[in-house]
Structures are given as C-alpha cells and as structure tokens.
Amino acid sequence: DLLLRTDHRIDRIGEGRIRVVYRMTVTGPDADAI
C-alpha cells in the first residue's frame, strides 16, 4: 500500500549554474513510521 515517489529536478540558479534536486516522498498507511 506504500507509494515511493522520487522527483529528480534540474533548477537553473544562475549563469552557468544548476542545482540538481532529488526528493522522495513515501505515502500510504503508516507512511510516517515505515
């Protein structure tokens, strides 16, 4: 019943610079504990 979702993102933050971001969320019953 758990869904693990990972967002992979490229943010442009300035001339010639980027930020690479990984963000995971876990949702479903007892997601906080599990």
PDB file of all heavy atoms in Angstrom:
ATOM      1  N   ASP A   1       0.809  -1.226   0.000  1.00  0.00           N
ATOM      2  CA  ASP A   1       0.000   0.000   0.000  1.00  0.00           C
ATOM      3  C   ASP A   1       0.839   1.271   0.000  1.00  0.00           C
ATOM      4  O   ASP A   1       0.291   2.369  -0.005  1.00  0.00           O
ATOM      5  CB  ASP A   1      -0.925   0.020   1.222  1.00  0.00           C
ATOM      6  CG  ASP A   1      -2.017  -1.038   1.139  1.00  0.00           C
ATOM      7  OD1 ASP A   1      -2.363  -1.454   0.015  1.00  0.00           O
ATOM      8  OD2 ASP A   1      -2.511  -1.454   2.206  1.00  0.00           O
ATOM      9  N   LEU A   2       2.178   1.115   0.044  1.00  0.00           N
ATOM     10  CA  LEU A   2       3.045   2.295   0.066  1.00  0.00           C
ATOM     11  C   LEU A   2       3.418   2.716  -1.345  1.00  0.00           C
ATOM     12  O   LEU A   2       3.667   1.878  -2.208  1.00  0.00           O
ATOM     13  CB  LEU A   2       4.334   2.006   0.828  1.00  0.00           C
ATOM     14  CG  LEU A   2       4.243   1.840   2.331  1.00  0.00           C
ATOM     15  CD1 LEU A   2       5.623   1.547   2.898  1.00  0.00           C
ATOM     16  CD2 LEU A   2       3.661   3.080   2.987  1.00  0.00           C
ATOM     17  N   LEU A   3       3.488   4.022  -1.545  1.00  0.00           N
ATOM     18  CA  LEU A   3       3.958   4.588  -2.802  1.00  0.00           C
ATOM     19  C   LEU A   3       5.207   5.407  -2.515  1.00  0.00           C
ATOM     20  O   LEU A   3       5.172   6.344  -1.711  1.00  0.00           O
ATOM     21  CB  LEU A   3       2.894   5.483  -3.439  1.00  0.00           C
ATOM     22  CG  LEU A   3       3.306   6.195  -4.727  1.00  0.00           C
ATOM     23  CD1 LEU A   3       3.583   5.177  -5.837  1.00  0.00           C
ATOM     24  CD2 LEU A   3       2.230   7.180  -5.156  1.00  0.00           C
ATOM     25  N   LEU A   4       6.328   5.010  -3.131  1.00  0.00           N
ATOM     26  CA  LEU A   4       7.579   5.763  -3.026  1.00  0.00           C
ATOM     27  C   LEU A   4       7.741   6.530  -4.319  1.00  0.00           C
ATOM     28  O   LEU A   4       7.818   5.933  -5.403  1.00  0.00           O
ATOM     29  CB  LEU A   4       8.770   4.819  -2.817  1.00  0.00           C
ATOM     30  CG  LEU A   4       8.933   4.236  -1.418  1.00  0.00           C
ATOM     31  CD1 LEU A   4       7.824   3.262  -1.081  1.00  0.00           C
ATOM     32  CD2 LEU A   4      10.278   3.576  -1.301  1.00  0.00           C
ATOM     33  N   ARG A   5       7.770   7.825  -4.204  1.00  0.00           N
ATOM     34  CA  ARG A   5       7.806   8.709  -5.366  1.00  0.00           C
ATOM     35  C   ARG A   5       9.066   9.561  -5.280  1.00  0.00           C
ATOM     36  O   ARG A   5       9.283  10.232  -4.279  1.00  0.00           O
ATOM     37  CB  ARG A   5       6.548   9.575  -5.316  1.00  0.00           C
ATOM     38  CG  ARG A   5       6.168  10.234  -6.558  1.00  0.00           C
ATOM     39  CD  ARG A   5       4.793  10.887  -6.351  1.00  0.00           C
ATOM     40  NE  ARG A   5       4.692  12.034  -7.186  1.00  0.00           N
ATOM     41  CZ  ARG A   5       4.232  12.008  -8.427  1.00  0.00           C
ATOM     42  NH1 ARG A   5       3.802  10.893  -8.939  1.00  0.00           N
ATOM     43  NH2 ARG A   5       4.206  13.107  -9.156  1.00  0.00           N
ATOM     44  N   THR A   6       9.886   9.512  -6.346  1.00  0.00           N
ATOM     45  CA  THR A   6      11.123  10.295  -6.347  1.00  0.00           C
ATOM     46  C   THR A   6      11.096  11.281  -7.502  1.00  0.00           C
ATOM     47  O   THR A   6      10.963  10.895  -8.661  1.00  0.00           O
ATOM     48  CB  THR A   6      12.358   9.385  -6.458  1.00  0.00           C
ATOM     49  OG1 THR A   6      12.308   8.415  -5.406  1.00  0.00           O
ATOM     50  CG2 THR A   6      13.632  10.200  -6.331  1.00  0.00           C
ATOM     51  N   ASP A   7      11.212  12.544  -7.148  1.00  0.00           N
ATOM     52  CA  ASP A   7      11.242  13.647  -8.107  1.00  0.00           C
ATOM     53  C   ASP A   7      12.705  14.006  -8.339  1.00  0.00           C
ATOM     54  O   ASP A   7      13.437  14.270  -7.387  1.00  0.00           O
ATOM     55  CB  ASP A   7      10.481  14.836  -7.518  1.00  0.00           C
ATOM     56  CG  ASP A   7      10.235  15.962  -8.499  1.00  0.00           C
ATOM     57  OD1 ASP A   7      10.877  15.991  -9.558  1.00  0.00           O
ATOM     58  OD2 ASP A   7       9.392  16.819  -8.181  1.00  0.00           O
ATOM     59  N   HIS A   8      13.135  13.982  -9.596  1.00  0.00           N
ATOM     60  CA  HIS A   8      14.502  14.340  -9.997  1.00  0.00           C
ATOM     61  C   HIS A   8      14.365  15.635 -10.796  1.00  0.00           C
ATOM     62  O   HIS A   8      13.645  15.660 -11.800  1.00  0.00           O
ATOM     63  CB  HIS A   8      15.106  13.262 -10.894  1.00  0.00           C
ATOM     64  CG  HIS A   8      15.030  11.875 -10.330  1.00  0.00           C
ATOM     65  ND1 HIS A   8      13.853  11.125 -10.305  1.00  0.00           N
ATOM     66  CD2 HIS A   8      15.976  11.096  -9.776  1.00  0.00           C
ATOM     67  CE1 HIS A   8      14.106   9.954  -9.773  1.00  0.00           C
ATOM     68  NE2 HIS A   8      15.383   9.907  -9.428  1.00  0.00           N
ATOM     69  N   ARG A   9      15.043  16.683 -10.372  1.00  0.00           N
ATOM     70  CA  ARG A   9      14.793  18.005 -10.949  1.00  0.00           C
ATOM     71  C   ARG A   9      16.093  18.754 -11.205  1.00  0.00           C
ATOM     72  O   ARG A   9      17.050  18.633 -10.429  1.00  0.00           O
ATOM     73  CB  ARG A   9      13.918  18.774  -9.951  1.00  0.00           C
ATOM     74  CG  ARG A   9      13.282  19.997 -10.449  1.00  0.00           C
ATOM     75  CD  ARG A   9      12.343  20.592  -9.402  1.00  0.00           C
ATOM     76  NE  ARG A   9      13.102  21.265  -8.344  1.00  0.00           N
ATOM     77  CZ  ARG A   9      12.963  21.025  -7.052  1.00  0.00           C
ATOM     78  NH1 ARG A   9      12.124  20.133  -6.594  1.00  0.00           N
ATOM     79  NH2 ARG A   9      13.686  21.698  -6.177  1.00  0.00           N
ATOM     80  N   ILE A  10      16.109  19.525 -12.263  1.00  0.00           N
ATOM     81  CA  ILE A  10      17.211  20.433 -12.568  1.00  0.00           C
ATOM     82  C   ILE A  10      16.675  21.854 -12.423  1.00  0.00           C
ATOM     83  O   ILE A  10      15.766  22.249 -13.151  1.00  0.00           O
ATOM     84  CB  ILE A  10      17.743  20.226 -14.005  1.00  0.00           C
ATOM     85  CG1 ILE A  10      18.256  18.798 -14.200  1.00  0.00           C
ATOM     86  CG2 ILE A  10      18.819  21.260 -14.333  1.00  0.00           C
ATOM     87  CD1 ILE A  10      18.536  18.428 -15.667  1.00  0.00           C
ATOM     88  N   ASP A  11      17.229  22.615 -11.479  1.00  0.00           N
ATOM     89  CA  ASP A  11      16.857  24.022 -11.296  1.00  0.00           C
ATOM     90  C   ASP A  11      17.989  24.887 -11.813  1.00  0.00           C
ATOM     91  O   ASP A  11      19.151  24.697 -11.411  1.00  0.00           O
ATOM     92  CB  ASP A  11      16.637  24.348  -9.812  1.00  0.00           C
ATOM     93  CG  ASP A  11      15.448  23.631  -9.209  1.00  0.00           C
ATOM     94  OD1 ASP A  11      14.541  23.217  -9.963  1.00  0.00           O
ATOM     95  OD2 ASP A  11      15.431  23.484  -7.967  1.00  0.00           O
ATOM     96  N   ARG A  12      17.690  25.823 -12.664  1.00  0.00           N
ATOM     97  CA  ARG A  12      18.696  26.777 -13.131  1.00  0.00           C
ATOM     98  C   ARG A  12      18.784  27.886 -12.086  1.00  0.00           C
ATOM     99  O   ARG A  12      17.784  28.516 -11.764  1.00  0.00           O
ATOM    100  CB  ARG A  12      18.316  27.321 -14.499  1.00  0.00           C
ATOM    101  CG  ARG A  12      18.303  26.212 -15.547  1.00  0.00           C
ATOM    102  CD  ARG A  12      17.668  26.661 -16.862  1.00  0.00           C
ATOM    103  NE  ARG A  12      17.363  25.535 -17.701  1.00  0.00           N
ATOM    104  CZ  ARG A  12      18.165  25.044 -18.631  1.00  0.00           C
ATOM    105  NH1 ARG A  12      19.323  25.611 -18.862  1.00  0.00           N
ATOM    106  NH2 ARG A  12      17.803  24.008 -19.358  1.00  0.00           N
ATOM    107  N   ILE A  13      19.991  28.087 -11.550  1.00  0.00           N
ATOM    108  CA  ILE A  13      20.119  29.021 -10.419  1.00  0.00           C
ATOM    109  C   ILE A  13      20.986  30.236 -10.727  1.00  0.00           C
ATOM    110  O   ILE A  13      21.139  31.093  -9.878  1.00  0.00           O
ATOM    111  CB  ILE A  13      20.658  28.296  -9.161  1.00  0.00           C
ATOM    112  CG1 ILE A  13      21.990  27.617  -9.433  1.00  0.00           C
ATOM    113  CG2 ILE A  13      19.627  27.311  -8.636  1.00  0.00           C
ATOM    114  CD1 ILE A  13      22.658  27.043  -8.193  1.00  0.00           C
ATOM    115  N   GLY A  14      21.524  30.307 -11.903  1.00  0.00           N
ATOM    116  CA  GLY A  14      22.358  31.450 -12.250  1.00  0.00           C
ATOM    117  C   GLY A  14      23.134  31.157 -13.506  1.00  0.00           C
ATOM    118  O   GLY A  14      23.054  30.068 -14.071  1.00  0.00           O
ATOM    119  N   GLU A  15      23.881  32.121 -13.942  1.00  0.00           N
ATOM    120  CA  GLU A  15      24.674  31.968 -15.155  1.00  0.00           C
ATOM    121  C   GLU A  15      25.627  30.781 -15.026  1.00  0.00           C
ATOM    122  O   GLU A  15      26.531  30.781 -14.200  1.00  0.00           O
ATOM    123  CB  GLU A  15      25.464  33.257 -15.421  1.00  0.00           C
ATOM    124  CG  GLU A  15      26.172  33.286 -16.750  1.00  0.00           C
ATOM    125  CD  GLU A  15      25.224  33.240 -17.935  1.00  0.00           C
ATOM    126  OE1 GLU A  15      24.141  33.862 -17.850  1.00  0.00           O
ATOM    127  OE2 GLU A  15      25.558  32.598 -18.943  1.00  0.00           O
ATOM    128  N   GLY A  16      25.380  29.751 -15.823  1.00  0.00           N
ATOM    129  CA  GLY A  16      26.258  28.591 -15.839  1.00  0.00           C
ATOM    130  C   GLY A  16      26.171  27.704 -14.615  1.00  0.00           C
ATOM    131  O   GLY A  16      27.032  26.861 -14.401  1.00  0.00           O
ATOM    132  N   ARG A  17      25.140  27.848 -13.798  1.00  0.00           N
ATOM    133  CA  ARG A  17      24.988  27.040 -12.575  1.00  0.00           C
ATOM    134  C   ARG A  17      23.601  26.406 -12.543  1.00  0.00           C
ATOM    135  O   ARG A  17      22.610  27.044 -12.919  1.00  0.00           O
ATOM    136  CB  ARG A  17      25.159  27.880 -11.310  1.00  0.00           C
ATOM    137  CG  ARG A  17      26.482  28.578 -11.152  1.00  0.00           C
ATOM    138  CD  ARG A  17      27.642  27.683 -10.862  1.00  0.00           C
ATOM    139  NE  ARG A  17      27.502  26.989  -9.585  1.00  0.00           N
ATOM    140  CZ  ARG A  17      28.277  25.972  -9.227  1.00  0.00           C
ATOM    141  NH1 ARG A  17      29.212  25.511 -10.027  1.00  0.00           N
ATOM    142  NH2 ARG A  17      28.118  25.401  -8.051  1.00  0.00           N
ATOM    143  N   ILE A  18      23.570  25.174 -12.058  1.00  0.00           N
ATOM    144  CA  ILE A  18      22.302  24.493 -11.836  1.00  0.00           C
ATOM    145  C   ILE A  18      22.325  23.821 -10.474  1.00  0.00           C
ATOM    146  O   ILE A  18      23.387  23.623  -9.883  1.00  0.00           O
ATOM    147  CB  ILE A  18      21.997  23.428 -12.925  1.00  0.00           C
ATOM    148  CG1 ILE A  18      23.072  22.338 -12.947  1.00  0.00           C
ATOM    149  CG2 ILE A  18      21.808  24.077 -14.284  1.00  0.00           C
ATOM    150  CD1 ILE A  18      22.748  21.138 -13.830  1.00  0.00           C
ATOM    151  N   ARG A  19      21.156  23.514  -9.992  1.00  0.00           N
ATOM    152  CA  ARG A  19      21.003  22.711  -8.777  1.00  0.00           C
ATOM    153  C   ARG A  19      20.265  21.444  -9.205  1.00  0.00           C
ATOM    154  O   ARG A  19      19.190  21.512  -9.808  1.00  0.00           O
ATOM    155  CB  ARG A  19      20.198  23.453  -7.717  1.00  0.00           C
ATOM    156  CG  ARG A  19      20.005  22.658  -6.434  1.00  0.00           C
ATOM    157  CD  ARG A  19      19.216  23.431  -5.362  1.00  0.00           C
ATOM    158  NE  ARG A  19      19.907  24.656  -5.008  1.00  0.00           N
ATOM    159  CZ  ARG A  19      19.432  25.883  -5.208  1.00  0.00           C
ATOM    160  NH1 ARG A  19      18.256  26.071  -5.773  1.00  0.00           N
ATOM    161  NH2 ARG A  19      20.131  26.942  -4.842  1.00  0.00           N
ATOM    162  N   VAL A  20      20.846  20.298  -8.892  1.00  0.00           N
ATOM    163  CA  VAL A  20      20.209  19.012  -9.152  1.00  0.00           C
ATOM    164  C   VAL A  20      19.556  18.589  -7.835  1.00  0.00           C
ATOM    165  O   VAL A  20      20.209  18.582  -6.787  1.00  0.00           O
ATOM    166  CB  VAL A  20      21.234  17.959  -9.625  1.00  0.00           C
ATOM    167  CG1 VAL A  20      20.559  16.614  -9.850  1.00  0.00           C
ATOM    168  CG2 VAL A  20      21.940  18.440 -10.892  1.00  0.00           C
ATOM    169  N   VAL A  21      18.261  18.283  -7.898  1.00  0.00           N
ATOM    170  CA  VAL A  21      17.482  18.000  -6.700  1.00  0.00           C
ATOM    171  C   VAL A  21      16.821  16.633  -6.825  1.00  0.00           C
ATOM    172  O   VAL A  21      16.217  16.324  -7.848  1.00  0.00           O
ATOM    173  CB  VAL A  21      16.382  19.066  -6.480  1.00  0.00           C
ATOM    174  CG1 VAL A  21      15.585  18.779  -5.210  1.00  0.00           C
ATOM    175  CG2 VAL A  21      16.963  20.466  -6.469  1.00  0.00           C
ATOM    176  N   TYR A  22      16.943  15.815  -5.786  1.00  0.00           N
ATOM    177  CA  TYR A  22      16.197  14.572  -5.659  1.00  0.00           C
ATOM    178  C   TYR A  22      15.299  14.744  -4.437  1.00  0.00           C
ATOM    179  O   TYR A  22      15.764  15.161  -3.370  1.00  0.00           O
ATOM    180  CB  TYR A  22      17.107  13.369  -5.397  1.00  0.00           C
ATOM    181  CG  TYR A  22      17.885  12.846  -6.571  1.00  0.00           C
ATOM    182  CD1 TYR A  22      18.081  13.573  -7.732  1.00  0.00           C
ATOM    183  CD2 TYR A  22      18.439  11.575  -6.490  1.00  0.00           C
ATOM    184  CE1 TYR A  22      18.823  13.058  -8.781  1.00  0.00           C
ATOM    185  CE2 TYR A  22      19.179  11.051  -7.536  1.00  0.00           C
ATOM    186  CZ  TYR A  22      19.369  11.796  -8.682  1.00  0.00           C
ATOM    187  OH  TYR A  22      20.108  11.276  -9.716  1.00  0.00           O
ATOM    188  N   ARG A  23      14.024  14.390  -4.588  1.00  0.00           N
ATOM    189  CA  ARG A  23      13.087  14.492  -3.458  1.00  0.00           C
ATOM    190  C   ARG A  23      12.219  13.242  -3.440  1.00  0.00           C
ATOM    191  O   ARG A  23      11.556  12.940  -4.423  1.00  0.00           O
ATOM    192  CB  ARG A  23      12.202  15.721  -3.603  1.00  0.00           C
ATOM    193  CG  ARG A  23      11.236  15.893  -2.453  1.00  0.00           C
ATOM    194  CD  ARG A  23      10.490  17.228  -2.557  1.00  0.00           C
ATOM    195  NE  ARG A  23       9.724  17.454  -1.385  1.00  0.00           N
ATOM    196  CZ  ARG A  23       8.464  17.027  -1.216  1.00  0.00           C
ATOM    197  NH1 ARG A  23       7.875  16.346  -2.170  1.00  0.00           N
ATOM    198  NH2 ARG A  23       7.822  17.278  -0.099  1.00  0.00           N
ATOM    199  N   MET A  24      12.267  12.517  -2.335  1.00  0.00           N
ATOM    200  CA  MET A  24      11.446  11.319  -2.186  1.00  0.00           C
ATOM    201  C   MET A  24      10.325  11.573  -1.198  1.00  0.00           C
ATOM    202  O   MET A  24      10.539  12.187  -0.147  1.00  0.00           O
ATOM    203  CB  MET A  24      12.264  10.128  -1.692  1.00  0.00           C
ATOM    204  CG  MET A  24      11.403   8.895  -1.390  1.00  0.00           C
ATOM    205  SD  MET A  24      12.356   7.467  -0.894  1.00  0.00           S
ATOM    206  CE  MET A  24      12.748   6.855  -2.532  1.00  0.00           C
ATOM    207  N   THR A  25       9.142  11.069  -1.545  1.00  0.00           N
ATOM    208  CA  THR A  25       8.025  11.044  -0.606  1.00  0.00           C
ATOM    209  C   THR A  25       7.521   9.608  -0.521  1.00  0.00           C
ATOM    210  O   THR A  25       7.505   8.879  -1.512  1.00  0.00           O
ATOM    211  CB  THR A  25       6.869  11.970  -1.040  1.00  0.00           C
ATOM    212  OG1 THR A  25       6.426  11.607  -2.348  1.00  0.00           O
ATOM    213  CG2 THR A  25       7.300  13.430  -1.041  1.00  0.00           C
ATOM    214  N   VAL A  26       7.141   9.228   0.678  1.00  0.00           N
ATOM    215  CA  VAL A  26       6.533   7.927   0.916  1.00  0.00           C
ATOM    216  C   VAL A  26       5.139   8.207   1.455  1.00  0.00           C
ATOM    217  O   VAL A  26       4.989   8.919   2.454  1.00  0.00           O
ATOM    218  CB  VAL A  26       7.348   7.090   1.931  1.00  0.00           C
ATOM    219  CG1 VAL A  26       6.657   5.752   2.190  1.00  0.00           C
ATOM    220  CG2 VAL A  26       8.770   6.876   1.445  1.00  0.00           C
ATOM    221  N   THR A  27       4.129   7.672   0.776  1.00  0.00           N
ATOM    222  CA  THR A  27       2.746   7.875   1.196  1.00  0.00           C
ATOM    223  C   THR A  27       2.044   6.527   1.297  1.00  0.00           C
ATOM    224  O   THR A  27       2.465   5.548   0.685  1.00  0.00           O
ATOM    225  CB  THR A  27       1.976   8.783   0.211  1.00  0.00           C
ATOM    226  OG1 THR A  27       2.046   8.223  -1.109  1.00  0.00           O
ATOM    227  CG2 THR A  27       2.551  10.196   0.195  1.00  0.00           C
ATOM    228  N   GLY A  28       0.977   6.520   2.067  1.00  0.00           N
ATOM    229  CA  GLY A  28       0.191   5.312   2.274  1.00  0.00           C
ATOM    230  C   GLY A  28       0.001   5.087   3.762  1.00  0.00           C
ATOM    231  O   GLY A  28       0.463   5.878   4.589  1.00  0.00           O
ATOM    232  N   PRO A  29      -0.674   3.975   4.116  1.00  0.00           N
ATOM    233  CA  PRO A  29      -0.907   3.678   5.533  1.00  0.00           C
ATOM    234  C   PRO A  29       0.410   3.579   6.309  1.00  0.00           C
ATOM    235  O   PRO A  29       1.346   2.925   5.860  1.00  0.00           O
ATOM    236  CB  PRO A  29      -1.612   2.314   5.499  1.00  0.00           C
ATOM    237  CG  PRO A  29      -2.172   2.193   4.114  1.00  0.00           C
ATOM    238  CD  PRO A  29      -1.252   2.971   3.225  1.00  0.00           C
ATOM    239  N   ASP A  30       0.481   4.250   7.420  1.00  0.00           N
ATOM    240  CA  ASP A  30       1.667   4.240   8.289  1.00  0.00           C
ATOM    241  C   ASP A  30       2.929   4.732   7.589  1.00  0.00           C
ATOM    242  O   ASP A  30       4.049   4.330   7.935  1.00  0.00           O
ATOM    243  CB  ASP A  30       1.907   2.845   8.884  1.00  0.00           C
ATOM    244  CG  ASP A  30       0.776   2.385   9.773  1.00  0.00           C
ATOM    245  OD1 ASP A  30       0.242   3.234  10.528  1.00  0.00           O
ATOM    246  OD2 ASP A  30       0.414   1.199   9.709  1.00  0.00           O
ATOM    247  N   ALA A  31       2.769   5.590   6.594  1.00  0.00           N
ATOM    248  CA  ALA A  31       3.922   6.079   5.823  1.00  0.00           C
ATOM    249  C   ALA A  31       4.941   6.792   6.696  1.00  0.00           C
ATOM    250  O   ALA A  31       6.143   6.671   6.460  1.00  0.00           O
ATOM    251  CB  ALA A  31       3.457   6.999   4.689  1.00  0.00           C
ATOM    252  N   ASP A  32       4.484   7.533   7.709  1.00  0.00           N
ATOM    253  CA  ASP A  32       5.435   8.214   8.595  1.00  0.00           C
ATOM    254  C   ASP A  32       6.355   7.217   9.275  1.00  0.00           C
ATOM    255  O   ASP A  32       7.581   7.356   9.254  1.00  0.00           O
ATOM    256  CB  ASP A  32       4.703   9.017   9.683  1.00  0.00           C
ATOM    257  CG  ASP A  32       4.095  10.298   9.169  1.00  0.00           C
ATOM    258  OD1 ASP A  32       4.533  10.783   8.108  1.00  0.00           O
ATOM    259  OD2 ASP A  32       3.170  10.816   9.826  1.00  0.00           O
ATOM    260  N   ALA A  33       5.777   6.186   9.856  1.00  0.00           N
ATOM    261  CA  ALA A  33       6.566   5.203  10.602  1.00  0.00           C
ATOM    262  C   ALA A  33       7.399   4.338   9.666  1.00  0.00           C
ATOM    263  O   ALA A  33       8.605   4.152   9.874  1.00  0.00           O
ATOM    264  CB  ALA A  33       5.649   4.329  11.448  1.00  0.00           C
ATOM    265  N   ILE A  34       6.777   3.806   8.626  1.00  0.00           N
ATOM    266  CA  ILE A  34       7.502   2.924   7.706  1.00  0.00           C
ATOM    267  C   ILE A  34       8.536   3.719   6.910  1.00  0.00           C
ATOM    268  O   ILE A  34       9.670   3.281   6.732  1.00  0.00           O
ATOM    269  CB  ILE A  34       6.521   2.175   6.783  1.00  0.00           C
ATOM    270  CG1 ILE A  34       5.628   1.254   7.611  1.00  0.00           C
ATOM    271  CG2 ILE A  34       7.284   1.380   5.727  1.00  0.00           C
ATOM    272  CD1 ILE A  34       4.469   0.647   6.842  1.00  0.00           C
TER     273      ILE A  34
END
